[in-house]
Amino acid sequence: MAEEFWFNTKTHQVEEGMVSPAVDRAGPYATREEAEHALAQIKANSDRWAAEEAEDR
């Protein structure tokens, strides 16, 4: 199985494998670097979805 990286949203640490409870994890990410930038990606996705939703109104 390929190695997966997760971003712990509670501790803001990257973890290898499913270490923390699911509620505290974002991912999986293919690389450690991708997981390190998880918060920025989550925010970008949220901003994009909010803009799309606003357009639909």
N, C-alpha and C. Protein backbone atom coordinates (compact mmCIF):
# COMPACT_ATOMS: atom_id res chain seq x y z
N MET A 1 0.83 -1.18 0.00
CA MET A 1 0.00 0.00 0.00
C MET A 1 0.88 1.24 0.00
N ALA A 2 0.50 2.22 -0.80
CA ALA A 2 1.26 3.45 -0.89
C ALA A 2 1.17 4.22 0.43
N GLU A 3 2.22 4.92 0.75
CA GLU A 3 2.25 5.73 1.95
C GLU A 3 1.31 6.92 1.78
N GLU A 4 0.52 7.22 2.80
CA GLU A 4 -0.38 8.36 2.76
C GLU A 4 -0.06 9.29 3.92
N PHE A 5 -0.26 10.57 3.66
CA PHE A 5 -0.03 11.58 4.67
C PHE A 5 -1.34 12.27 4.99
N TRP A 6 -1.50 12.63 6.24
CA TRP A 6 -2.72 13.29 6.71
C TRP A 6 -2.32 14.54 7.47
N PHE A 7 -3.18 15.54 7.44
CA PHE A 7 -2.96 16.76 8.21
C PHE A 7 -3.89 16.71 9.41
N ASN A 8 -3.32 16.83 10.60
CA ASN A 8 -4.10 16.82 11.82
C ASN A 8 -4.58 18.26 12.06
N THR A 9 -5.89 18.47 11.95
CA THR A 9 -6.46 19.81 12.07
C THR A 9 -6.46 20.32 13.51
N LYS A 10 -6.24 19.45 14.45
CA LYS A 10 -6.20 19.84 15.87
C LYS A 10 -4.79 20.27 16.28
N THR A 11 -3.79 19.50 15.86
CA THR A 11 -2.41 19.79 16.26
C THR A 11 -1.63 20.54 15.18
N HIS A 12 -2.18 20.59 13.97
CA HIS A 12 -1.53 21.20 12.79
C HIS A 12 -0.22 20.50 12.44
N GLN A 13 -0.19 19.20 12.66
CA GLN A 13 0.98 18.38 12.33
C GLN A 13 0.63 17.41 11.21
N VAL A 14 1.63 17.09 10.40
CA VAL A 14 1.48 16.08 9.36
C VAL A 14 1.75 14.72 9.99
N GLU A 15 0.90 13.76 9.65
CA GLU A 15 1.04 12.41 10.18
C GLU A 15 1.15 11.42 9.03
N GLU A 16 1.95 10.40 9.22
CA GLU A 16 2.05 9.32 8.24
C GLU A 16 1.08 8.23 8.65
N GLY A 17 0.10 7.98 7.79
CA GLY A 17 -0.91 6.99 8.12
C GLY A 17 -2.02 7.60 8.95
N MET A 18 -3.03 6.77 9.24
CA MET A 18 -4.19 7.22 10.00
C MET A 18 -3.91 7.10 11.49
N VAL A 19 -3.22 8.08 12.02
CA VAL A 19 -2.81 8.06 13.43
C VAL A 19 -3.91 8.63 14.32
N SER A 20 -4.45 9.77 13.95
CA SER A 20 -5.44 10.47 14.77
C SER A 20 -6.85 10.05 14.40
N PRO A 21 -7.81 10.38 15.27
CA PRO A 21 -9.21 10.10 14.94
C PRO A 21 -9.62 10.82 13.65
N ALA A 22 -10.54 10.24 12.91
CA ALA A 22 -10.97 10.78 11.62
C ALA A 22 -11.45 12.22 11.73
N VAL A 23 -12.09 12.57 12.81
CA VAL A 23 -12.62 13.93 12.97
C VAL A 23 -11.50 14.98 12.99
N ASP A 24 -10.28 14.58 13.32
CA ASP A 24 -9.15 15.49 13.42
C ASP A 24 -8.21 15.43 12.22
N ARG A 25 -8.59 14.70 11.17
CA ARG A 25 -7.69 14.51 10.03
C ARG A 25 -8.26 15.11 8.75
N ALA A 26 -7.36 15.64 7.92
CA ALA A 26 -7.70 16.03 6.55
C ALA A 26 -6.77 15.22 5.64
N GLY A 27 -7.31 14.73 4.55
CA GLY A 27 -6.49 13.95 3.64
C GLY A 27 -7.26 12.75 3.13
N PRO A 28 -6.59 11.85 2.53
CA PRO A 28 -5.13 11.68 2.52
C PRO A 28 -4.47 12.50 1.41
N TYR A 29 -3.19 12.73 1.60
CA TYR A 29 -2.36 13.43 0.63
C TYR A 29 -1.25 12.48 0.19
N ALA A 30 -0.84 12.60 -1.06
CA ALA A 30 0.16 11.70 -1.62
C ALA A 30 1.56 11.99 -1.09
N THR A 31 1.82 13.26 -0.74
CA THR A 31 3.15 13.63 -0.26
C THR A 31 3.05 14.42 1.04
N ARG A 32 4.13 14.43 1.77
CA ARG A 32 4.20 15.22 3.00
C ARG A 32 4.01 16.70 2.69
N GLU A 33 4.59 17.16 1.59
CA GLU A 33 4.49 18.57 1.21
C GLU A 33 3.02 18.97 0.96
N GLU A 34 2.28 18.13 0.27
CA GLU A 34 0.86 18.42 0.04
C GLU A 34 0.12 18.53 1.38
N ALA A 35 0.40 17.62 2.29
CA ALA A 35 -0.25 17.65 3.60
C ALA A 35 0.13 18.89 4.39
N GLU A 36 1.37 19.35 4.24
CA GLU A 36 1.81 20.55 4.94
C GLU A 36 1.02 21.78 4.51
N HIS A 37 0.50 21.77 3.30
CA HIS A 37 -0.25 22.91 2.77
C HIS A 37 -1.76 22.68 2.82
N ALA A 38 -2.18 21.74 3.64
CA ALA A 38 -3.59 21.38 3.70
C ALA A 38 -4.48 22.55 4.10
N LEU A 39 -4.09 23.32 5.08
CA LEU A 39 -4.95 24.42 5.52
C LEU A 39 -5.19 25.43 4.41
N ALA A 40 -4.16 25.75 3.65
CA ALA A 40 -4.31 26.69 2.54
C ALA A 40 -5.25 26.12 1.49
N GLN A 41 -5.15 24.84 1.21
CA GLN A 41 -6.02 24.20 0.22
C GLN A 41 -7.46 24.13 0.71
N ILE A 42 -7.64 23.83 1.99
CA ILE A 42 -8.97 23.78 2.57
C ILE A 42 -9.63 25.16 2.48
N LYS A 43 -8.87 26.21 2.81
CA LYS A 43 -9.41 27.57 2.74
C LYS A 43 -9.75 27.94 1.30
N ALA A 44 -8.87 27.61 0.35
CA ALA A 44 -9.12 27.92 -1.06
C ALA A 44 -10.39 27.22 -1.54
N ASN A 45 -10.56 25.96 -1.17
CA ASN A 45 -11.77 25.22 -1.55
C ASN A 45 -13.01 25.88 -0.94
N SER A 46 -12.93 26.23 0.32
CA SER A 46 -14.06 26.85 1.00
C SER A 46 -14.43 28.17 0.34
N ASP A 47 -13.43 28.99 0.03
CA ASP A 47 -13.68 30.28 -0.63
C ASP A 47 -14.32 30.08 -2.00
N ARG A 48 -13.84 29.10 -2.74
CA ARG A 48 -14.38 28.82 -4.07
C ARG A 48 -15.84 28.36 -3.98
N TRP A 49 -16.11 27.46 -3.03
CA TRP A 49 -17.48 26.96 -2.88
C TRP A 49 -18.43 28.08 -2.43
N ALA A 50 -17.95 28.96 -1.54
CA ALA A 50 -18.79 30.07 -1.09
C ALA A 50 -19.10 31.01 -2.26
N ALA A 51 -18.11 31.26 -3.11
CA ALA A 51 -18.33 32.13 -4.28
C ALA A 51 -19.31 31.49 -5.24
N GLU A 52 -19.18 30.18 -5.47
CA GLU A 52 -20.10 29.48 -6.35
C GLU A 52 -21.52 29.51 -5.78
N GLU A 53 -21.64 29.34 -4.50
CA GLU A 53 -22.95 29.36 -3.86
C GLU A 53 -23.57 30.76 -3.97
N ALA A 54 -22.76 31.79 -3.80
CA ALA A 54 -23.25 33.17 -3.89
C ALA A 54 -23.74 33.46 -5.32
N GLU A 55 -23.05 32.93 -6.32
CA GLU A 55 -23.46 33.11 -7.72
C GLU A 55 -24.81 32.46 -7.99
N ASP A 56 -25.07 31.34 -7.33
CA ASP A 56 -26.31 30.59 -7.53
C ASP A 56 -27.53 31.30 -6.93
N ARG A 57 -27.28 32.22 -6.04
CA ARG A 57 -28.41 32.91 -5.37
C ARG A 57 -28.96 34.01 -6.18
